[in-house]
Protein backbone atom coordinates (compact mmCIF):
# COMPACT_ATOMS: atom_id res chain seq x y z
CA HIS A 1 0.09 -0.05 0.00
CA LEU A 2 1.06 3.48 -0.75
CA SER A 3 1.33 5.93 2.03
CA PHE A 4 -0.76 9.11 1.97
CA SER A 5 1.99 11.38 0.76
CA ALA A 6 2.97 8.95 -1.89
CA PHE A 7 -0.71 8.54 -3.05
CA PHE A 8 -1.19 12.39 -3.04
CA PHE A 9 1.47 12.94 -5.37
CA SER A 10 1.06 9.92 -7.52
CA PRO A 11 -0.89 9.74 -10.95
CA LEU A 12 -3.73 7.81 -9.31
CA HIS A 13 -4.66 10.77 -7.25
CA PHE A 14 -5.10 13.24 -10.02
CA GLN A 15 -7.13 10.71 -11.93
CA HIS A 16 -9.47 10.27 -8.93
CA LYS A 17 -9.77 13.84 -8.83
CA GLN A 18 -10.67 14.38 -12.27
CA LYS A 19 -13.39 11.77 -12.40
CA LYS A 20 -14.87 13.42 -9.11
CA LYS A 21 -15.21 16.69 -11.03
CA LYS A 22 -16.88 14.89 -13.95
CA SER A 23 -19.44 13.32 -11.63
CA ASN A 24 -20.28 16.59 -9.93
CA LEU A 25 -20.63 18.24 -13.27
CA LEU A 26 -23.07 15.48 -14.36
CA PHE A 27 -25.12 15.78 -11.16
CA PHE A 28 -25.85 19.41 -12.03
CA LEU A 29 -26.41 19.03 -15.74
CA LEU A 30 -28.56 15.99 -16.04
CA PRO A 31 -31.76 17.32 -14.20
CA ARG A 32 -31.76 20.13 -16.44
CA VAL A 33 -31.31 18.36 -19.65
CA PHE A 34 -33.48 15.39 -18.68
CA PRO A 35 -36.01 16.54 -16.10
CA MET A 36 -37.01 14.00 -13.70
CA LYS A 37 -40.64 13.36 -13.11
CA HIS A 38 -42.40 11.50 -10.21
CA LEU A 39 -43.16 8.11 -11.19
CA ASN A 40 -46.40 7.81 -9.35
CA LYS A 41 -47.75 11.05 -11.04
CA LYS A 42 -49.49 10.81 -14.47
CA GLN A 43 -47.99 12.75 -17.30
CA ARG A 44 -50.29 15.51 -18.61
CA LEU A 45 -50.75 15.77 -22.11
CA GLU A 46 -50.08 19.46 -23.08
CA ASN A 47 -52.42 21.09 -25.39
CA LEU A 48 -50.47 22.64 -28.11
CA THR A 49 -52.76 25.15 -29.69
CA VAL A 50 -51.42 26.90 -32.81
CA ASN A 51 -52.77 30.30 -33.85
CA HIS A 52 -51.89 30.53 -37.57
CA LEU A 53 -53.37 34.22 -37.68
CA ASP A 54 -50.36 35.35 -35.75
CA ASP A 55 -48.16 34.30 -38.46
CA LEU A 56 -49.95 36.46 -41.16
CA HIS A 57 -48.60 39.90 -41.75
CA ASP A 58 -50.68 42.90 -40.91
CA ASP A 59 -50.90 43.94 -44.50
CA LEU A 60 -52.41 40.55 -45.57
CA VAL A 61 -55.00 40.80 -42.73
CA ILE A 62 -55.91 44.28 -43.67
CA THR A 63 -56.40 43.26 -47.20
CA ILE A 64 -58.73 40.51 -46.20
CA LEU A 65 -60.81 42.70 -43.92
CA ARG A 66 -61.09 45.26 -46.61
CA LYS A 67 -62.67 42.62 -48.82
CA LEU A 68 -64.91 41.59 -46.07
CA SER A 69 -66.09 45.20 -45.14
CA SER A 70 -66.96 45.86 -48.82
CA SER A 71 -68.95 42.61 -49.38
CA ALA A 72 -70.48 42.04 -45.90
CA SER A 73 -74.35 41.69 -46.01
CA SER A 74 -75.00 43.34 -42.72
CA PRO A 75 -73.12 45.22 -40.10
CA ALA A 76 -73.16 42.21 -37.82
CA ASP A 77 -70.86 40.14 -40.42
CA PHE A 78 -68.23 42.79 -40.03
CA LEU A 79 -68.70 43.71 -36.28
CA SER A 80 -68.45 40.00 -35.23
CA VAL A 81 -64.83 39.77 -36.49
CA LEU A 82 -64.03 43.10 -34.57
CA ILE A 83 -64.84 41.39 -31.25
CA THR A 84 -62.78 38.20 -31.89
CA CYS A 85 -59.44 39.55 -30.67
CA LYS A 86 -57.65 42.64 -29.98
CA ARG A 87 -55.63 42.39 -33.01
CA LEU A 88 -58.55 41.91 -35.52
CA ASN A 89 -60.38 44.78 -33.59
CA ARG A 90 -57.29 46.96 -34.13
CA LEU A 91 -56.77 46.12 -37.78
CA GLY A 92 -60.48 46.01 -38.35
CA LEU A 93 -60.81 49.83 -37.50
CA HIS A 94 -57.96 50.66 -39.72
CA PRO A 95 -58.74 53.57 -42.26
CA LEU A 96 -57.96 51.44 -45.18
CA VAL A 97 -60.69 48.96 -44.13
CA LEU A 98 -63.15 51.53 -43.00
CA SER A 99 -62.70 53.48 -46.33
CA ARG A 100 -63.92 50.54 -48.19
CA ALA A 101 -67.04 49.66 -46.05
CA GLY A 102 -70.03 48.85 -48.36
CA THR A 103 -73.63 50.02 -47.90
CA GLN A 104 -74.65 46.97 -46.23
CA THR A 105 -71.73 47.14 -43.87
CA LEU A 106 -73.13 50.65 -42.91
CA ALA A 107 -76.83 49.68 -42.90
CA VAL A 108 -77.42 50.70 -39.12
CA THR A 109 -80.99 50.39 -38.33
CA ALA A 110 -83.16 53.04 -36.41
CA GLU A 111 -83.95 50.45 -33.62
CA LYS A 112 -80.10 49.91 -32.87
CA TRP A 113 -79.15 53.59 -33.29
CA SER A 114 -76.74 54.67 -30.52
CA ASP A 115 -73.69 56.77 -29.79
CA SER A 116 -71.50 54.00 -30.72
CA ALA A 117 -73.21 53.59 -34.07
CA HIS A 118 -73.00 57.35 -34.54
CA LYS A 119 -69.04 57.05 -33.72
CA PHE A 120 -68.58 54.06 -36.14
CA LEU A 121 -70.04 56.09 -39.11
CA LYS A 122 -67.94 59.15 -38.19
CA ARG A 123 -64.72 57.02 -38.20
CA CYS A 124 -65.80 55.71 -41.61
CA VAL A 125 -66.48 59.41 -42.74
CA ASN A 126 -62.82 60.27 -41.47
CA ALA A 127 -61.56 57.39 -43.50
CA GLY A 128 -62.92 58.74 -46.59
CA ASN A 129 -65.84 56.52 -47.23
CA ILE A 130 -68.39 58.12 -49.35
CA ASP A 131 -71.13 55.87 -48.57
CA ALA A 132 -70.76 56.74 -44.83
CA CYS A 133 -70.77 60.36 -45.84
CA PHE A 134 -74.25 60.06 -47.65
CA ALA A 135 -75.66 57.87 -44.80
CA LEU A 136 -74.69 60.06 -42.02
CA GLY A 137 -75.59 63.18 -43.84
CA MET A 138 -79.02 62.06 -44.31
CA ILE A 139 -79.60 61.01 -40.80
CA ARG A 140 -78.04 64.25 -39.71
CA PHE A 141 -80.17 66.36 -42.03
CA TYR A 142 -83.57 64.66 -41.49
CA CYS A 143 -83.36 62.82 -38.12
CA LEU A 144 -80.93 64.53 -35.82
CA GLN A 145 -82.21 67.95 -37.16
CA ASN A 146 -78.59 69.16 -38.05
CA PRO A 147 -79.22 70.34 -41.83
CA VAL A 148 -75.98 72.32 -42.19
CA SER A 149 -73.85 69.24 -41.15
CA GLY A 150 -75.99 66.83 -43.09
CA ALA A 151 -75.87 68.86 -46.35
CA SER A 152 -72.12 69.29 -45.93
CA LEU A 153 -71.51 65.54 -45.55
CA MET A 154 -73.94 64.71 -48.60
CA ALA A 155 -72.01 67.51 -50.62
CA LYS A 156 -68.76 65.74 -49.64
CA ALA A 157 -70.01 62.53 -51.30
CA ALA A 158 -71.52 64.34 -54.35
CA ILE A 159 -68.29 65.84 -55.07
CA LYS A 160 -66.93 62.20 -55.40
CA SER A 161 -69.72 61.36 -57.90
CA HIS A 162 -71.92 59.46 -55.48
CA ALA A 163 -75.33 59.13 -57.43
CA PRO A 164 -77.67 58.83 -54.39
CA ALA A 165 -75.91 61.89 -52.63
CA LEU A 166 -76.32 63.90 -55.92
CA TYR A 167 -80.05 63.06 -56.03
CA SER A 168 -80.77 63.72 -52.47
CA LEU A 169 -79.31 67.20 -52.87
CA SER A 170 -81.46 67.83 -55.87
CA VAL A 171 -84.50 67.08 -53.93
CA ILE A 172 -83.33 69.45 -51.13
CA GLN A 173 -82.82 72.10 -53.79
CA PHE A 174 -86.28 71.40 -55.59
CA ASN A 175 -88.09 71.85 -52.22
CA GLY A 176 -85.85 74.19 -50.36
CA SER A 177 -85.47 71.72 -47.48
CA GLY A 178 -84.00 73.20 -44.37
CA GLY A 179 -84.65 76.79 -45.42
CA THR A 180 -87.57 78.80 -46.47
CA LYS A 181 -89.65 78.50 -49.68
CA SER A 182 -87.48 81.31 -51.14
CA ASP A 183 -84.33 78.86 -51.00
CA LYS A 184 -85.74 76.76 -53.71
CA ASN A 185 -83.22 76.50 -56.54
CA LEU A 186 -84.64 74.74 -59.58
CA ARG A 187 -81.86 75.11 -61.83
CA ALA A 188 -79.27 73.63 -59.23
CA GLY A 189 -81.83 70.73 -58.58
CA VAL A 190 -81.99 69.93 -62.35
CA ALA A 191 -78.12 70.07 -62.60
CA LEU A 192 -77.66 67.81 -59.72
CA CYS A 193 -80.44 65.46 -60.70
CA ALA A 194 -78.94 65.33 -64.36
CA ARG A 195 -75.52 64.36 -63.02
CA SER A 196 -77.00 61.74 -60.77
CA ALA A 197 -78.95 60.27 -63.86
CA TYR A 198 -75.73 60.31 -65.88
CA LEU A 199 -74.29 58.16 -63.27
CA GLY A 200 -77.27 55.56 -63.55
CA HIS A 201 -79.53 56.47 -60.80
CA VAL A 202 -82.97 55.37 -61.80
CA ASP A 203 -84.90 57.78 -59.44
CA ALA A 204 -82.93 60.64 -60.66
CA LEU A 205 -83.45 59.70 -64.41
CA ARG A 206 -87.37 59.52 -63.63
CA GLU A 207 -87.17 62.89 -62.06
CA LEU A 208 -85.22 64.40 -64.67
CA GLY A 209 -87.66 63.20 -67.34
CA HIS A 210 -90.72 64.73 -65.40
CA CYS A 211 -88.92 68.03 -65.14
CA LEU A 212 -88.11 68.15 -68.98
CA GLN A 213 -91.65 67.04 -69.54
CA ASP A 214 -93.27 69.76 -67.36
CA GLY A 215 -90.65 72.33 -67.94
CA TYR A 216 -89.74 72.45 -64.21
CA GLY A 217 -86.51 74.22 -63.79
CA VAL A 218 -85.45 73.55 -67.27
CA PRO A 219 -86.80 74.45 -70.86
CA ARG A 220 -89.64 72.13 -71.55
CA ASP A 221 -88.85 69.33 -74.03
CA VAL A 222 -91.80 66.76 -74.07
CA SER A 223 -90.14 64.21 -76.36
CA GLU A 224 -86.67 64.16 -74.42
CA GLY A 225 -88.54 63.79 -71.21
CA ARG A 226 -90.62 60.90 -72.49
CA ARG A 227 -87.54 59.36 -73.83
CA LEU A 228 -86.04 59.48 -70.18
CA LEU A 229 -89.03 58.15 -68.55
CA ILE A 230 -89.24 55.26 -70.95
CA GLN A 231 -85.22 54.55 -70.23
CA ALA A 232 -86.13 54.74 -66.37
CA ASN A 233 -88.79 52.21 -66.85
CA ALA A 234 -86.89 49.97 -68.84
CA ARG A 235 -84.11 49.92 -66.27
CA GLU A 236 -86.57 49.45 -63.56
CA LEU A 237 -88.00 46.42 -65.47
CA ALA A 238 -84.55 44.92 -65.75
CA CYS A 239 -84.20 45.44 -62.03
CA SER A 240 -87.57 43.71 -61.46
CA LEU A 241 -86.54 40.76 -63.63
CA ARG A 242 -83.28 40.08 -61.70
CA ALA A 243 -85.15 40.37 -58.57
CA TYR A 244 -87.93 38.01 -59.90
CA MET A 245 -85.34 35.39 -60.99
CA SER A 246 -83.49 35.60 -57.65
CA LEU A 247 -86.75 35.07 -55.83
CA LYS A 248 -87.54 32.08 -58.19
CA ALA A 249 -84.15 30.63 -57.53
CA GLY A 250 -84.99 30.89 -53.65
CA ASN A 251 -82.83 33.81 -52.95
CA GLU A 252 -85.36 35.94 -51.21
CA ASN A 253 -82.73 38.12 -49.36
CA GLU A 254 -82.08 40.09 -52.54
CA THR A 255 -85.73 41.15 -53.12
CA LEU A 256 -88.19 43.31 -51.27
CA THR A 257 -91.66 42.24 -50.37
CA ASP A 258 -92.83 45.58 -49.12
CA PRO A 259 -96.02 46.45 -51.40
CA ALA A 260 -94.93 50.03 -51.33
CA CYS A 261 -91.99 49.24 -53.43
CA CYS A 262 -93.70 46.70 -55.86
CA GLY A 263 -95.07 47.22 -59.24
CA GLY A 264 -98.61 46.58 -60.35
CA GLY A 265 -97.86 43.00 -61.18
CA GLY A 266 -96.47 42.29 -57.56
CA ILE A 267 -92.96 42.09 -58.63
CA PRO A 268 -90.31 43.90 -56.69
CA VAL A 269 -89.32 46.99 -58.58
CA GLN A 270 -86.14 47.78 -56.54
CA GLU A 271 -84.69 47.49 -53.09
CA ILE A 272 -85.18 50.44 -50.56
CA HIS A 273 -81.83 51.86 -49.79
CA PRO A 274 -80.83 51.24 -46.25
CA VAL A 275 -80.75 55.14 -45.43
CA ASN A 276 -84.39 55.54 -46.76
CA ARG A 277 -85.31 52.55 -44.60
CA PHE A 278 -83.53 54.05 -41.49
CA LEU A 279 -85.58 57.39 -42.05
CA LYS A 280 -88.89 55.62 -42.48
CA ASP A 281 -88.27 53.49 -39.29
CA TRP A 282 -86.90 56.32 -37.39
CA PHE A 283 -90.01 58.56 -37.75
CA ASP A 284 -92.33 55.36 -37.52
CA SER A 285 -90.97 54.43 -34.10
CA GLY A 286 -91.81 57.81 -32.66
CA ARG A 287 -88.42 58.71 -31.60
CA ILE A 288 -89.02 62.33 -32.93
CA VAL A 289 -92.57 63.69 -33.46
CA LEU A 290 -93.11 65.92 -36.40
CA ALA A 291 -94.06 69.38 -35.75
CA GLU A 292 -97.69 70.27 -36.26
CA GLY A 293 -98.49 70.58 -39.85
CA LEU A 294 -95.52 68.68 -41.18
CA ARG A 295 -95.99 65.37 -43.12
CA MET A 296 -93.98 62.63 -44.43
CA CYS A 297 -93.57 61.64 -48.06
CA SER A 298 -96.44 59.26 -48.95
CA HIS A 299 -94.07 56.88 -50.91
CA GLY A 300 -93.28 53.82 -48.79
CA GLY A 301 -89.64 53.60 -50.10
CA CYS A 302 -88.66 57.26 -49.28
CA GLY A 303 -88.98 58.21 -45.71
CA ARG A 304 -88.37 61.95 -46.08
CA PRO A 305 -90.10 64.33 -43.98
CA GLU A 306 -91.14 67.92 -44.29
CA THR A 307 -88.81 70.44 -42.67
CA ARG A 308 -91.37 73.18 -43.12
CA SER A 309 -94.90 73.36 -43.59
CA HIS A 310 -96.45 72.69 -47.02
CA GLU A 311 -93.03 71.73 -48.40
CA PHE A 312 -94.05 68.56 -50.30
CA ARG A 313 -96.50 68.81 -53.25
CA ARG A 314 -99.95 67.09 -52.79
CA CYS A 315 -101.84 64.73 -55.05
CA SER A 316 -103.66 66.95 -57.73
CA VAL A 317 -106.70 64.69 -57.59
CA CYS A 318 -107.53 63.62 -53.86
CA GLY A 319 -105.05 66.01 -52.09
CA LYS A 320 -104.71 63.22 -49.38
CA VAL A 321 -101.03 62.32 -50.08
CA ASN A 322 -97.69 64.14 -50.19
CA TYR A 323 -94.67 63.61 -52.15
CA CYS A 324 -91.13 65.23 -52.04
CA SER A 325 -90.40 64.69 -55.55
CA ARG A 326 -92.14 63.75 -59.00
CA GLY A 327 -90.24 60.41 -58.96
CA CYS A 328 -91.84 59.49 -55.62
CA GLN A 329 -95.20 60.49 -56.90
CA ALA A 330 -94.78 58.33 -60.06
CA LEU A 331 -93.68 55.24 -58.17
CA ASP A 332 -96.49 55.62 -55.45
CA TRP A 333 -99.04 56.15 -58.10
CA ARG A 334 -98.03 52.90 -59.85
CA ALA A 335 -97.69 50.86 -56.76
CA LYS A 336 -100.84 51.65 -54.73
CA HIS A 337 -102.23 55.14 -54.96
CA LYS A 338 -103.89 54.63 -58.42
CA MET A 339 -106.30 52.25 -56.63
CA GLU A 340 -106.75 54.53 -53.59
CA CYS A 341 -107.12 58.01 -55.10
CA THR A 342 -110.85 59.32 -55.10
CA PRO A 343 -111.35 62.64 -56.49
CA LEU A 344 -114.97 62.96 -55.44
CA ASP A 345 -114.47 64.91 -52.30
CA LEU A 346 -112.21 67.33 -54.30
CA TRP A 347 -114.84 67.73 -56.95
CA ALA A 348 -117.36 68.51 -54.48
CA ALA A 349 -115.17 71.17 -52.73
CA ALA A 350 -114.11 72.76 -56.03
CA ALA A 351 -117.65 72.81 -57.54
CA ALA A 352 -118.82 74.56 -54.38
CA ALA A 353 -116.01 77.17 -54.54
CA ILE A 354 -115.70 77.59 -58.27
CA GLY A 355 -119.01 76.25 -59.79
CA ASP A 356 -117.09 74.92 -62.73
CA GLY A 357 -115.42 71.47 -63.24
CA ASP A 358 -113.16 72.00 -66.05
CA GLY A 359 -110.11 72.68 -63.99
CA GLU A 360 -110.67 69.54 -61.87
CA ALA A 361 -110.70 67.52 -65.02
CA LEU A 362 -107.49 68.82 -66.23
CA GLU A 363 -105.85 68.16 -62.94
CA ILE A 364 -107.01 64.47 -63.22
CA VAL A 365 -105.36 64.09 -66.68
CA ASN A 366 -102.10 65.53 -65.41
CA HIS A 367 -102.15 63.27 -62.38
CA ALA A 368 -102.86 60.13 -64.55
CA ALA A 369 -99.98 61.24 -66.82
CA ARG A 370 -97.60 60.98 -64.08
């Protein structure tokens, strides 16, 4: 046996010391590389959830959301995405997405109108959405009783060739809405109506045809007016056929069953614009009671109220219905009023006042010609 001093300085001592260092190093590293688990405990299966949305770049997500906002069939289809997660909410409210929001995405109903809906439309307006400018402009002008701001928003949309906004401004100019009777500007109304008709707005085309036929705000041209009326009826018939074919195929969402917007044959003529439906539901719900003497447009697809007494024109036969435009009068006459119009009361009153019925007969002819 070696002595202690001989072992301490021998090669066997250094070899033993090196092995001890290696064993200590393995003692500290092994639990970290291969964690020890208790044998009596069952191993839990880890739920590995992979969110592939996090791998998509923001630009790609914004492109997808822009497509969704422009093609959504209702506001709920778009808003349901915004409440999914914080990232989609942030990207869904991006100006590039809101600027492409379509008419149906902005179709806020009067029943669900709130400050949040108002703020959402304002964000879309600030993003440069012309449909939102028109919708919020109509709501402010007629419903929120802020004609200056409403007309400004509609003018902002009209500058960018928004056909419904141009037509609405023409109706305002024809009637002097929001002001006095002296604020009527027939020439400006005809110019706005002509621009809207050029862009393909059927109601504006019909209104322009009646203006030319009657010489209202423009030199009278009966033949040109009739040509425009025939063209408007042809476009309306094409719309009716498309609606009828979609109804026949079972797609009832694209058609309208309101009898006020149906032709004489019961075929839907055209869908009510969401803004006009908002106006109609707003005043029907009683949120705002019209002042005494003010009336609504009798055409069921319009929804415009008077802003002053005797602003709208009355039926020249019965005097019981009122219209904001000649286009609304023609549509309502064809839809239902021709079956309800009874001139007997007017005849009796006029005969008692004048004693001659020639004037009343002439009014009936003019009314039927519309």
